[in-house]
Amino acid sequence: MNPIRPTIALDAPGKTHGFLRLPHSRNDSAWGSVMIPLTVIAHGDGPTALLTGGNHGDEYEGPIALQQLAWEIAPEQVSGRVIIVPYMNFPAFRAGTRVSPVDQVNLNRCFPGRADGTVTQKIAHYFNDTLVPLADIVLDFHSGGKTLDFLPYAAAHYLEDKEQQARCSAAMRAFGAPYSMMMREIDAVGMFDTAVEAQGKTFVTTELGGGGTATARTAAIAIRGARNLLRHAGILAGSAEPGDSVMLDMPGDDCFHFAQCDGLLQPLADLGDPVRAGQPLARIWPPDRTGAAPVEMRANRDGILVARHFPGLVQSGDCLAVIAIG
């Protein structure tokens, strides 16, 4: 059995705040625990929404939005149940890192997890086997963290089950981000997204900015979008707030562009810019000498630049750019 135990009841009416407590014996605390903050808001009959942020610890729009919702939403506003976990990978969130400093495991690449595994694997297992089965709809917030920057979009995935895909797509559009993306992953194995979708749930994710910070604009998009999703699910009263969202598509692997050398990055296109196949997107200058020609990266296809590498230095294999089509 998974050792994680909630300190509050997951099915109690009203609003309760507590923790998911994971025993973790370590040098500075022999009988210590990882305490993952948790809020449950329940009232009346209706569906259950699981809202998560901090899957990666250096992405902040989700945690901001979920802290605000946990504080503001009153039980009498709810028909059903909302389970809120702002800092899903709590050790990574506290360290401000993408992966956990405890075991160096990427939570979003280790699902379905293991009940007898490392700290991060135990967290994944608990969400996969306990929390996701309770939910009808799941929203997992992401942004670019310290190494990527994105146009702010909500996303759904292409799925074999087209009825499920239609549900996810409708929820994505209801979120109401400035952009809405039908998304392909570089490698979906081990992702929370894949684990949730495999259980037949309605799933929405986001990429809302990056650079290891949040802005007033991206935080507002996250807060408004989460409320819209809860209205769409019938958990909060009313209709989703209308907004113009540009539909985007990632039809193939050629949307992704990767560095093939180390060096100093010179962007030649900015987020939101239209680009043409063959157009230069960036130069990579040698990091250790002058007088040598840069390596030029060109666009694989026509489209819009929706993601870019954020730091000024790159390593071979880094994702430098993502192009989507409108």
C-alpha atoms as a PDB file:
ATOM      1  CA  MET A   1       0.000   0.000   0.000  1.00  0.00           C
ATOM      2  CA  ASN A   2       1.079   3.538  -0.676  1.00  0.00           C
ATOM      3  CA  PRO A   3       2.303   5.162   2.570  1.00  0.00           C
ATOM      4  CA  ILE A   4       0.800   8.583   1.739  1.00  0.00           C
ATOM      5  CA  ARG A   5      -2.145   9.491   3.956  1.00  0.00           C
ATOM      6  CA  PRO A   6      -4.321  12.613   3.777  1.00  0.00           C
ATOM      7  CA  THR A   7      -4.645  14.507   7.042  1.00  0.00           C
ATOM      8  CA  ILE A   8      -8.231  15.478   6.084  1.00  0.00           C
ATOM      9  CA  ALA A   9     -11.153  13.482   4.741  1.00  0.00           C
ATOM     10  CA  LEU A  10     -11.404  13.576   0.952  1.00  0.00           C
ATOM     11  CA  ASP A  11     -15.190  13.185   1.053  1.00  0.00           C
ATOM     12  CA  ALA A  12     -16.186  15.523   3.895  1.00  0.00           C
ATOM     13  CA  PRO A  13     -18.646  18.351   3.116  1.00  0.00           C
ATOM     14  CA  GLY A  14     -17.472  21.945   3.429  1.00  0.00           C
ATOM     15  CA  LYS A  15     -13.976  23.327   2.883  1.00  0.00           C
ATOM     16  CA  THR A  16     -11.013  21.752   4.630  1.00  0.00           C
ATOM     17  CA  HIS A  17      -7.291  22.417   4.350  1.00  0.00           C
ATOM     18  CA  GLY A  18      -4.659  19.836   5.167  1.00  0.00           C
ATOM     19  CA  PHE A  19      -1.844  17.788   3.727  1.00  0.00           C
ATOM     20  CA  LEU A  20      -0.925  14.611   1.941  1.00  0.00           C
ATOM     21  CA  ARG A  21       1.610  13.250   4.425  1.00  0.00           C
ATOM     22  CA  LEU A  22       4.374  11.052   3.027  1.00  0.00           C
ATOM     23  CA  PRO A  23       6.700   9.493   5.628  1.00  0.00           C
ATOM     24  CA  HIS A  24      10.294  10.274   4.685  1.00  0.00           C
ATOM     25  CA  SER A  25      13.148   9.288   6.992  1.00  0.00           C
ATOM     26  CA  ARG A  26      16.238  11.379   6.356  1.00  0.00           C
ATOM     27  CA  ASN A  27      19.396  12.623   8.062  1.00  0.00           C
ATOM     28  CA  ASP A  28      17.763  15.684   9.606  1.00  0.00           C
ATOM     29  CA  SER A  29      14.468  14.016  10.593  1.00  0.00           C
ATOM     30  CA  ALA A  30      14.454  10.314  11.397  1.00  0.00           C
ATOM     31  CA  TRP A  31      10.655  10.078  11.467  1.00  0.00           C
ATOM     32  CA  GLY A  32      10.064  12.991   9.121  1.00  0.00           C
ATOM     33  CA  SER A  33       7.449  13.538   6.443  1.00  0.00           C
ATOM     34  CA  VAL A  34       6.901  15.331   3.160  1.00  0.00           C
ATOM     35  CA  MET A  35       3.770  17.454   3.722  1.00  0.00           C
ATOM     36  CA  ILE A  36       2.001  18.260   0.426  1.00  0.00           C
ATOM     37  CA  PRO A  37      -0.636  21.021   0.909  1.00  0.00           C
ATOM     38  CA  LEU A  38      -4.197  20.009   0.012  1.00  0.00           C
ATOM     39  CA  THR A  39      -7.643  21.635  -0.043  1.00  0.00           C
ATOM     40  CA  VAL A  40     -10.974  19.854  -0.538  1.00  0.00           C
ATOM     41  CA  ILE A  41     -14.169  21.840  -1.182  1.00  0.00           C
ATOM     42  CA  ALA A  42     -17.370  19.775  -1.363  1.00  0.00           C
ATOM     43  CA  HIS A  43     -21.063  20.591  -1.390  1.00  0.00           C
ATOM     44  CA  GLY A  44     -24.121  18.872  -2.814  1.00  0.00           C
ATOM     45  CA  ASP A  45     -24.158  16.532  -5.792  1.00  0.00           C
ATOM     46  CA  GLY A  46     -21.991  16.908  -8.837  1.00  0.00           C
ATOM     47  CA  PRO A  47     -18.715  15.914 -10.470  1.00  0.00           C
ATOM     48  CA  THR A  48     -15.248  15.984  -8.949  1.00  0.00           C
ATOM     49  CA  ALA A  49     -12.441  18.142 -10.323  1.00  0.00           C
ATOM     50  CA  LEU A  50      -8.795  17.504  -9.474  1.00  0.00           C
ATOM     51  CA  LEU A  51      -6.713  20.675  -9.915  1.00  0.00           C
ATOM     52  CA  THR A  52      -2.928  20.356  -9.708  1.00  0.00           C
ATOM     53  CA  GLY A  53       0.051  22.694  -9.964  1.00  0.00           C
ATOM     54  CA  GLY A  54       3.745  22.373  -9.209  1.00  0.00           C
ATOM     55  CA  ASN A  55       4.145  19.100 -11.105  1.00  0.00           C
ATOM     56  CA  HIS A  56       7.443  20.759 -11.959  1.00  0.00           C
ATOM     57  CA  GLY A  57       8.754  22.910  -9.147  1.00  0.00           C
ATOM     58  CA  ASP A  58       9.866  25.942 -11.191  1.00  0.00           C
ATOM     59  CA  GLU A  59       6.469  26.666 -12.811  1.00  0.00           C
ATOM     60  CA  TYR A  60       4.375  29.182 -10.901  1.00  0.00           C
ATOM     61  CA  GLU A  61       1.127  30.172 -12.626  1.00  0.00           C
ATOM     62  CA  GLY A  62      -0.649  27.014 -11.469  1.00  0.00           C
ATOM     63  CA  PRO A  63       0.372  27.290  -7.818  1.00  0.00           C
ATOM     64  CA  ILE A  64      -0.688  30.959  -7.755  1.00  0.00           C
ATOM     65  CA  ALA A  65      -4.090  30.214  -9.291  1.00  0.00           C
ATOM     66  CA  LEU A  66      -4.762  27.231  -7.053  1.00  0.00           C
ATOM     67  CA  GLN A  67      -3.774  29.085  -3.887  1.00  0.00           C
ATOM     68  CA  GLN A  68      -6.276  31.802  -4.813  1.00  0.00           C
ATOM     69  CA  LEU A  69      -9.068  29.329  -5.613  1.00  0.00           C
ATOM     70  CA  ALA A  70      -8.448  27.400  -2.374  1.00  0.00           C
ATOM     71  CA  TRP A  71      -8.770  30.674  -0.469  1.00  0.00           C
ATOM     72  CA  GLU A  72     -11.711  32.210  -2.354  1.00  0.00           C
ATOM     73  CA  ILE A  73     -14.140  29.423  -3.293  1.00  0.00           C
ATOM     74  CA  ALA A  74     -16.843  28.873  -0.662  1.00  0.00           C
ATOM     75  CA  PRO A  75     -18.538  25.492  -0.267  1.00  0.00           C
ATOM     76  CA  GLU A  76     -21.981  26.890  -1.069  1.00  0.00           C
ATOM     77  CA  GLN A  77     -20.656  27.925  -4.498  1.00  0.00           C
ATOM     78  CA  VAL A  78     -19.847  24.317  -5.339  1.00  0.00           C
ATOM     79  CA  SER A  79     -22.003  21.527  -6.744  1.00  0.00           C
ATOM     80  CA  GLY A  80     -19.776  18.498  -6.362  1.00  0.00           C
ATOM     81  CA  ARG A  81     -16.188  18.519  -5.201  1.00  0.00           C
ATOM     82  CA  VAL A  82     -12.916  20.293  -5.958  1.00  0.00           C
ATOM     83  CA  ILE A  83      -9.623  18.704  -4.873  1.00  0.00           C
ATOM     84  CA  ILE A  84      -6.814  21.268  -5.038  1.00  0.00           C
ATOM     85  CA  VAL A  85      -3.102  20.432  -4.833  1.00  0.00           C
ATOM     86  CA  PRO A  86      -1.077  23.582  -5.624  1.00  0.00           C
ATOM     87  CA  TYR A  87       2.363  21.985  -5.100  1.00  0.00           C
ATOM     88  CA  MET A  88       2.087  18.451  -6.438  1.00  0.00           C
ATOM     89  CA  ASN A  89       5.853  17.851  -6.363  1.00  0.00           C
ATOM     90  CA  PHE A  90       6.361  19.664  -3.068  1.00  0.00           C
ATOM     91  CA  PRO A  91      10.123  19.008  -2.661  1.00  0.00           C
ATOM     92  CA  ALA A  92      10.789  20.373  -6.171  1.00  0.00           C
ATOM     93  CA  PHE A  93       8.547  23.392  -5.544  1.00  0.00           C
ATOM     94  CA  ARG A  94      10.391  24.288  -2.330  1.00  0.00           C
ATOM     95  CA  ALA A  95      13.729  24.009  -4.160  1.00  0.00           C
ATOM     96  CA  GLY A  96      12.526  25.883  -7.265  1.00  0.00           C
ATOM     97  CA  THR A  97      13.684  23.032  -9.496  1.00  0.00           C
ATOM     98  CA  ARG A  98      12.100  21.035 -12.282  1.00  0.00           C
ATOM     99  CA  VAL A  99      12.869  17.665 -10.683  1.00  0.00           C
ATOM    100  CA  SER A 100      12.861  16.645  -7.040  1.00  0.00           C
ATOM    101  CA  PRO A 101      16.047  17.382  -5.079  1.00  0.00           C
ATOM    102  CA  VAL A 102      15.277  14.335  -2.924  1.00  0.00           C
ATOM    103  CA  ASP A 103      15.698  11.661  -5.601  1.00  0.00           C
ATOM    104  CA  GLN A 104      16.378  13.617  -8.849  1.00  0.00           C
ATOM    105  CA  VAL A 105      13.221  12.127 -10.403  1.00  0.00           C
ATOM    106  CA  ASN A 106      10.973  14.093 -12.782  1.00  0.00           C
ATOM    107  CA  LEU A 107       7.435  13.579 -11.439  1.00  0.00           C
ATOM    108  CA  ASN A 108       5.943  14.097 -14.896  1.00  0.00           C
ATOM    109  CA  ARG A 109       7.979  11.231 -16.330  1.00  0.00           C
ATOM    110  CA  CYS A 110       7.452   8.558 -13.658  1.00  0.00           C
ATOM    111  CA  PHE A 111       3.736   7.685 -13.811  1.00  0.00           C
ATOM    112  CA  PRO A 112       2.085   5.389 -12.839  1.00  0.00           C
ATOM    113  CA  GLY A 113       4.681   5.458 -10.056  1.00  0.00           C
ATOM    114  CA  ARG A 114       5.463   2.865  -7.397  1.00  0.00           C
ATOM    115  CA  ALA A 115       4.081   2.469  -3.893  1.00  0.00           C
ATOM    116  CA  ASP A 116       7.480   1.117  -2.779  1.00  0.00           C
ATOM    117  CA  GLY A 117       9.594   3.489  -4.882  1.00  0.00           C
ATOM    118  CA  THR A 118      11.389   6.752  -4.253  1.00  0.00           C
ATOM    119  CA  VAL A 119       9.629   9.809  -2.818  1.00  0.00           C
ATOM    120  CA  THR A 120       8.633  11.069  -6.266  1.00  0.00           C
ATOM    121  CA  GLN A 121       7.485   7.634  -7.432  1.00  0.00           C
ATOM    122  CA  LYS A 122       5.301   7.324  -4.330  1.00  0.00           C
ATOM    123  CA  ILE A 123       3.698  10.709  -5.057  1.00  0.00           C
ATOM    124  CA  ALA A 124       2.990   9.626  -8.643  1.00  0.00           C
ATOM    125  CA  HIS A 125       1.506   6.336  -7.463  1.00  0.00           C
ATOM    126  CA  TYR A 126      -0.808   8.036  -4.970  1.00  0.00           C
ATOM    127  CA  PHE A 127      -2.163  10.432  -7.563  1.00  0.00           C
ATOM    128  CA  ASN A 128      -2.504   7.662 -10.138  1.00  0.00           C
ATOM    129  CA  ASP A 129      -4.194   5.105  -7.888  1.00  0.00           C
ATOM    130  CA  THR A 130      -6.087   7.274  -5.359  1.00  0.00           C
ATOM    131  CA  LEU A 131      -6.818  10.825  -6.528  1.00  0.00           C
ATOM    132  CA  VAL A 132      -7.290  10.432 -10.284  1.00  0.00           C
ATOM    133  CA  PRO A 133      -9.908   7.658  -9.885  1.00  0.00           C
ATOM    134  CA  LEU A 134     -11.967  10.081  -7.756  1.00  0.00           C
ATOM    135  CA  ALA A 135     -12.004  12.736 -10.486  1.00  0.00           C
ATOM    136  CA  ASP A 136     -14.222  13.327 -13.492  1.00  0.00           C
ATOM    137  CA  ILE A 137     -12.098  16.179 -14.848  1.00  0.00           C
ATOM    138  CA  VAL A 138      -8.409  16.973 -14.231  1.00  0.00           C
ATOM    139  CA  LEU A 139      -6.544  20.243 -14.823  1.00  0.00           C
ATOM    140  CA  ASP A 140      -2.750  20.115 -14.515  1.00  0.00           C
ATOM    141  CA  PHE A 141      -1.040  23.500 -14.825  1.00  0.00           C
ATOM    142  CA  HIS A 142       2.318  23.857 -16.563  1.00  0.00           C
ATOM    143  CA  SER A 143       4.510  26.625 -17.938  1.00  0.00           C
ATOM    144  CA  GLY A 144       8.032  26.707 -19.303  1.00  0.00           C
ATOM    145  CA  GLY A 145       9.950  26.740 -16.042  1.00  0.00           C
ATOM    146  CA  LYS A 146      13.474  28.121 -16.104  1.00  0.00           C
ATOM    147  CA  THR A 147      14.442  26.789 -19.546  1.00  0.00           C
ATOM    148  CA  LEU A 148      11.462  27.438 -21.866  1.00  0.00           C
ATOM    149  CA  ASP A 149       9.029  30.242 -22.644  1.00  0.00           C
ATOM    150  CA  PHE A 150       5.599  29.720 -24.242  1.00  0.00           C
ATOM    151  CA  LEU A 151       2.741  31.617 -25.724  1.00  0.00           C
ATOM    152  CA  PRO A 152       0.010  31.193 -23.065  1.00  0.00           C
ATOM    153  CA  TYR A 153      -2.135  28.253 -24.122  1.00  0.00           C
ATOM    154  CA  ALA A 154      -4.388  25.540 -22.772  1.00  0.00           C
ATOM    155  CA  ALA A 155      -3.963  22.147 -24.423  1.00  0.00           C
ATOM    156  CA  ALA A 156      -5.648  18.851 -25.138  1.00  0.00           C
ATOM    157  CA  HIS A 157      -4.077  15.806 -26.766  1.00  0.00           C
ATOM    158  CA  TYR A 158      -4.893  13.677 -29.758  1.00  0.00           C
ATOM    159  CA  LEU A 159      -6.408  10.444 -28.369  1.00  0.00           C
ATOM    160  CA  GLU A 160      -7.481   7.128 -29.862  1.00  0.00           C
ATOM    161  CA  ASP A 161     -10.852   7.508 -28.131  1.00  0.00           C
ATOM    162  CA  LYS A 162     -12.394  10.327 -30.166  1.00  0.00           C
ATOM    163  CA  GLU A 163     -15.292  10.829 -27.749  1.00  0.00           C
ATOM    164  CA  GLN A 164     -12.822  11.366 -24.919  1.00  0.00           C
ATOM    165  CA  GLN A 165     -10.747  13.645 -27.163  1.00  0.00           C
ATOM    166  CA  ALA A 166     -13.856  15.717 -27.899  1.00  0.00           C
ATOM    167  CA  ARG A 167     -14.551  16.090 -24.145  1.00  0.00           C
ATOM    168  CA  CYS A 168     -10.976  17.184 -23.507  1.00  0.00           C
ATOM    169  CA  SER A 169     -11.036  19.594 -26.431  1.00  0.00           C
ATOM    170  CA  ALA A 170     -14.304  21.174 -25.242  1.00  0.00           C
ATOM    171  CA  ALA A 171     -12.851  21.651 -21.749  1.00  0.00           C
ATOM    172  CA  MET A 172      -9.678  23.149 -23.236  1.00  0.00           C
ATOM    173  CA  ARG A 173     -11.722  25.688 -25.196  1.00  0.00           C
ATOM    174  CA  ALA A 174     -13.794  26.506 -22.101  1.00  0.00           C
ATOM    175  CA  PHE A 175     -10.580  27.312 -20.194  1.00  0.00           C
ATOM    176  CA  GLY A 176     -10.346  30.345 -22.444  1.00  0.00           C
ATOM    177  CA  ALA A 177      -6.595  30.898 -22.709  1.00  0.00           C
ATOM    178  CA  PRO A 178      -5.409  33.333 -25.405  1.00  0.00           C
ATOM    179  CA  TYR A 179      -4.366  30.241 -27.400  1.00  0.00           C
ATOM    180  CA  SER A 180      -5.768  26.690 -27.450  1.00  0.00           C
ATOM    181  CA  MET A 181      -3.494  23.874 -28.644  1.00  0.00           C
ATOM    182  CA  MET A 182      -4.136  20.377 -29.939  1.00  0.00           C
ATOM    183  CA  MET A 183      -0.821  19.118 -28.672  1.00  0.00           C
ATOM    184  CA  ARG A 184       1.650  16.348 -29.409  1.00  0.00           C
ATOM    185  CA  GLU A 185       4.294  15.434 -26.826  1.00  0.00           C
ATOM    186  CA  ILE A 186       7.914  14.603 -27.630  1.00  0.00           C
ATOM    187  CA  ASP A 187       7.561  11.514 -25.427  1.00  0.00           C
ATOM    188  CA  ALA A 188       4.293  10.859 -23.572  1.00  0.00           C
ATOM    189  CA  VAL A 189       5.533   7.785 -21.680  1.00  0.00           C
ATOM    190  CA  GLY A 190       5.368   8.289 -17.906  1.00  0.00           C
ATOM    191  CA  MET A 191       3.496  11.597 -18.044  1.00  0.00           C
ATOM    192  CA  PHE A 192       0.657  12.515 -15.677  1.00  0.00           C
ATOM    193  CA  ASP A 193      -1.296  13.486 -18.794  1.00  0.00           C
ATOM    194  CA  THR A 194      -1.014   9.969 -20.208  1.00  0.00           C
ATOM    195  CA  ALA A 195      -1.897   8.335 -16.891  1.00  0.00           C
ATOM    196  CA  VAL A 196      -5.041  10.475 -16.497  1.00  0.00           C
ATOM    197  CA  GLU A 197      -6.149   9.957 -20.098  1.00  0.00           C
ATOM    198  CA  ALA A 198      -5.593   6.198 -19.781  1.00  0.00           C
ATOM    199  CA  GLN A 199      -8.250   6.217 -17.040  1.00  0.00           C
ATOM    200  CA  GLY A 200     -10.744   7.824 -19.433  1.00  0.00           C
ATOM    201  CA  LYS A 201     -10.845  11.185 -17.656  1.00  0.00           C
ATOM    202  CA  THR A 202     -11.380  14.616 -19.188  1.00  0.00           C
ATOM    203  CA  PHE A 203      -7.934  16.219 -19.058  1.00  0.00           C
ATOM    204  CA  VAL A 204      -6.639  19.731 -19.746  1.00  0.00           C
ATOM    205  CA  THR A 205      -3.097  20.997 -19.356  1.00  0.00           C
ATOM    206  CA  THR A 206      -1.477  24.377 -19.992  1.00  0.00           C
ATOM    207  CA  GLU A 207       1.728  26.133 -20.960  1.00  0.00           C
ATOM    208  CA  LEU A 208       1.326  29.697 -19.680  1.00  0.00           C
ATOM    209  CA  GLY A 209       4.690  31.402 -19.965  1.00  0.00           C
ATOM    210  CA  GLY A 210       8.087  30.528 -18.585  1.00  0.00           C
ATOM    211  CA  GLY A 211      11.478  31.763 -17.544  1.00  0.00           C
ATOM    212  CA  GLY A 212      11.046  30.471 -14.012  1.00  0.00           C
ATOM    213  CA  THR A 213       8.565  33.172 -13.005  1.00  0.00           C
ATOM    214  CA  ALA A 214       4.972  34.330 -13.458  1.00  0.00           C
ATOM    215  CA  THR A 215       3.622  37.650 -14.678  1.00  0.00           C
ATOM    216  CA  ALA A 216       0.433  39.494 -13.762  1.00  0.00           C
ATOM    217  CA  ARG A 217      -0.979  38.518 -17.174  1.00  0.00           C
ATOM    218  CA  THR A 218      -0.140  34.807 -17.013  1.00  0.00           C
ATOM    219  CA  ALA A 219      -1.332  34.462 -13.405  1.00  0.00           C
ATOM    220  CA  ALA A 220      -4.641  36.112 -14.350  1.00  0.00           C
ATOM    221  CA  ILE A 221      -5.020  33.711 -17.296  1.00  0.00           C
ATOM    222  CA  ALA A 222      -4.516  30.769 -14.928  1.00  0.00           C
ATOM    223  CA  ILE A 223      -7.045  31.999 -12.331  1.00  0.00           C
ATOM    224  CA  ARG A 224      -9.696  32.850 -14.910  1.00  0.00           C
ATOM    225  CA  GLY A 225      -9.113  29.587 -16.779  1.00  0.00           C
ATOM    226  CA  ALA A 226      -9.477  27.399 -13.702  1.00  0.00           C
ATOM    227  CA  ARG A 227     -12.768  29.079 -12.814  1.00  0.00           C
ATOM    228  CA  ASN A 228     -13.957  28.688 -16.411  1.00  0.00           C
ATOM    229  CA  LEU A 229     -13.143  24.985 -16.315  1.00  0.00           C
ATOM    230  CA  LEU A 230     -15.100  24.508 -13.083  1.00  0.00           C
ATOM    231  CA  ARG A 231     -18.079  26.313 -14.659  1.00  0.00           C
ATOM    232  CA  HIS A 232     -17.780  24.139 -17.751  1.00  0.00           C
ATOM    233  CA  ALA A 233     -17.869  21.032 -15.534  1.00  0.00           C
ATOM    234  CA  GLY A 234     -20.979  22.295 -13.712  1.00  0.00           C
ATOM    235  CA  ILE A 235     -19.152  22.539 -10.388  1.00  0.00           C
ATOM    236  CA  LEU A 236     -19.383  26.335 -10.239  1.00  0.00           C
ATOM    237  CA  ALA A 237     -22.555  28.088 -11.380  1.00  0.00           C
ATOM    238  CA  GLY A 238     -22.712  30.079 -14.567  1.00  0.00           C
ATOM    239  CA  SER A 239     -21.077  29.881 -17.954  1.00  0.00           C
ATOM    240  CA  ALA A 240     -17.430  30.195 -18.789  1.00  0.00           C
ATOM    241  CA  GLU A 241     -16.385  33.787 -19.383  1.00  0.00           C
ATOM    242  CA  PRO A 242     -16.214  34.346 -23.129  1.00  0.00           C
ATOM    243  CA  GLY A 243     -12.894  35.164 -24.679  1.00  0.00           C
ATOM    244  CA  ASP A 244     -11.143  34.970 -28.018  1.00  0.00           C
ATOM    245  CA  SER A 245      -8.804  31.989 -28.198  1.00  0.00           C
ATOM    246  CA  VAL A 246      -6.660  31.311 -31.243  1.00  0.00           C
ATOM    247  CA  MET A 247      -6.802  27.623 -32.173  1.00  0.00           C
ATOM    248  CA  LEU A 248      -3.415  26.023 -32.824  1.00  0.00           C
ATOM    249  CA  ASP A 249      -2.278  22.557 -33.853  1.00  0.00           C
ATOM    250  CA  MET A 250       0.961  20.583 -33.530  1.00  0.00           C
ATOM    251  CA  PRO A 251       0.488  18.065 -36.348  1.00  0.00           C
ATOM    252  CA  GLY A 252       3.854  16.286 -36.247  1.00  0.00           C
ATOM    253  CA  ASP A 253       7.318  15.864 -34.785  1.00  0.00           C
ATOM    254  CA  ASP A 254       8.699  18.456 -37.219  1.00  0.00           C
ATOM    255  CA  CYS A 255       7.128  21.121 -34.978  1.00  0.00           C
ATOM    256  CA  PHE A 256      10.078  20.624 -32.600  1.00  0.00           C
ATOM    257  CA  HIS A 257      13.541  22.067 -33.276  1.00  0.00           C
ATOM    258  CA  PHE A 258      16.627  20.898 -31.338  1.00  0.00           C
ATOM    259  CA  ALA A 259      20.138  22.278 -30.973  1.00  0.00           C
ATOM    260  CA  GLN A 260      22.949  20.172 -32.410  1.00  0.00           C
ATOM    261  CA  CYS A 261      25.784  22.077 -30.743  1.00  0.00           C
ATOM    262  CA  ASP A 262      26.585  24.084 -27.631  1.00  0.00           C
ATOM    263  CA  GLY A 263      26.848  27.855 -27.708  1.00  0.00           C
ATOM    264  CA  LEU A 264      25.435  31.363 -27.366  1.00  0.00           C
ATOM    265  CA  LEU A 265      21.849  31.679 -28.598  1.00  0.00           C
ATOM    266  CA  GLN A 266      20.805  34.565 -30.847  1.00  0.00           C
ATOM    267  CA  PRO A 267      17.034  34.444 -31.443  1.00  0.00           C
ATOM    268  CA  LEU A 268      15.889  35.599 -34.861  1.00  0.00           C
ATOM    269  CA  ALA A 269      12.134  35.290 -34.192  1.00  0.00           C
ATOM    270  CA  ASP A 270      10.006  36.034 -31.145  1.00  0.00           C
ATOM    271  CA  LEU A 271       7.013  34.230 -29.644  1.00  0.00           C
ATOM    272  CA  GLY A 272       3.901  34.740 -31.736  1.00  0.00           C
ATOM    273  CA  ASP A 273       5.804  35.593 -34.889  1.00  0.00           C
ATOM    274  CA  PRO A 274       4.654  33.928 -38.119  1.00  0.00           C
ATOM    275  CA  VAL A 275       7.482  31.941 -39.726  1.00  0.00           C
ATOM    276  CA  ARG A 276       8.032  30.173 -43.029  1.00  0.00           C
ATOM    277  CA  ALA A 277       9.715  26.848 -43.733  1.00  0.00           C
ATOM    278  CA  GLY A 278      13.433  27.440 -44.180  1.00  0.00           C
ATOM    279  CA  GLN A 279      13.383  30.774 -42.379  1.00  0.00           C
ATOM    280  CA  PRO A 280      16.257  31.256 -39.887  1.00  0.00           C
ATOM    281  CA  LEU A 281      14.895  30.979 -36.313  1.00  0.00           C
ATOM    282  CA  ALA A 282      18.151  31.332 -34.382  1.00  0.00           C
ATOM    283  CA  ARG A 283      21.929  31.401 -34.590  1.00  0.00           C
ATOM    284  CA  ILE A 284      24.200  29.528 -32.192  1.00  0.00           C
ATOM    285  CA  TRP A 285      27.554  31.261 -31.792  1.00  0.00           C
ATOM    286  CA  PRO A 286      30.673  29.446 -30.547  1.00  0.00           C
ATOM    287  CA  PRO A 287      31.003  29.868 -26.756  1.00  0.00           C
ATOM    288  CA  ASP A 288      34.806  29.825 -26.713  1.00  0.00           C
ATOM    289  CA  ARG A 289      36.159  31.805 -29.680  1.00  0.00           C
ATOM    290  CA  THR A 290      35.548  34.651 -32.123  1.00  0.00           C
ATOM    291  CA  GLY A 291      35.829  34.656 -35.883  1.00  0.00           C
ATOM    292  CA  ALA A 292      33.891  31.419 -36.470  1.00  0.00           C
ATOM    293  CA  ALA A 293      30.581  31.321 -38.301  1.00  0.00           C
ATOM    294  CA  PRO A 294      27.452  30.579 -36.243  1.00  0.00           C
ATOM    295  CA  VAL A 295      25.324  27.489 -36.706  1.00  0.00           C
ATOM    296  CA  GLU A 296      21.967  28.564 -38.073  1.00  0.00           C
ATOM    297  CA  MET A 297      18.721  26.802 -37.176  1.00  0.00           C
ATOM    298  CA  ARG A 298      15.948  27.048 -39.749  1.00  0.00           C
ATOM    299  CA  ALA A 299      12.225  26.414 -39.465  1.00  0.00           C
ATOM    300  CA  ASN A 300      11.062  22.953 -40.484  1.00  0.00           C
ATOM    301  CA  ARG A 301       7.634  24.208 -41.515  1.00  0.00           C
ATOM    302  CA  ASP A 302       5.345  27.205 -41.853  1.00  0.00           C
ATOM    303  CA  GLY A 303       3.512  28.312 -38.714  1.00  0.00           C
ATOM    304  CA  ILE A 304       3.710  30.386 -35.548  1.00  0.00           C
ATOM    305  CA  LEU A 305       6.539  30.334 -33.019  1.00  0.00           C
ATOM    306  CA  VAL A 306       4.832  29.098 -29.818  1.00  0.00           C
ATOM    307  CA  ALA A 307       7.814  28.110 -27.656  1.00  0.00           C
ATOM    308  CA  ARG A 308      11.466  29.028 -27.390  1.00  0.00           C
ATOM    309  CA  HIS A 309      14.532  28.186 -25.341  1.00  0.00           C
ATOM    310  CA  PHE A 310      14.803  30.749 -22.543  1.00  0.00           C
ATOM    311  CA  PRO A 311      18.421  30.890 -21.250  1.00  0.00           C
ATOM    312  CA  GLY A 312      21.019  32.603 -23.405  1.00  0.00           C
ATOM    313  CA  LEU A 313      23.304  29.553 -23.504  1.00  0.00           C
ATOM    314  CA  VAL A 314      22.277  26.276 -25.127  1.00  0.00           C
ATOM    315  CA  GLN A 315      23.548  22.724 -25.089  1.00  0.00           C
ATOM    316  CA  SER A 316      23.356  20.133 -27.839  1.00  0.00           C
ATOM    317  CA  GLY A 317      19.956  18.443 -27.595  1.00  0.00           C
ATOM    318  CA  ASP A 318      18.112  21.410 -26.067  1.00  0.00           C
ATOM    319  CA  CYS A 319      14.716  22.208 -27.524  1.00  0.00           C
ATOM    320  CA  LEU A 320      15.227  25.612 -29.131  1.00  0.00           C
ATOM    321  CA  ALA A 321      11.840  26.275 -30.723  1.00  0.00           C
ATOM    322  CA  VAL A 322       8.382  24.847 -31.317  1.00  0.00           C
ATOM    323  CA  ILE A 323       6.229  25.849 -34.272  1.00  0.00           C
ATOM    324  CA  ALA A 324       2.469  25.286 -34.409  1.00  0.00           C
ATOM    325  CA  ILE A 325      -0.011  25.996 -37.159  1.00  0.00           C
ATOM    326  CA  GLY A 326      -3.153  28.083 -36.853  1.00  0.00           C
END
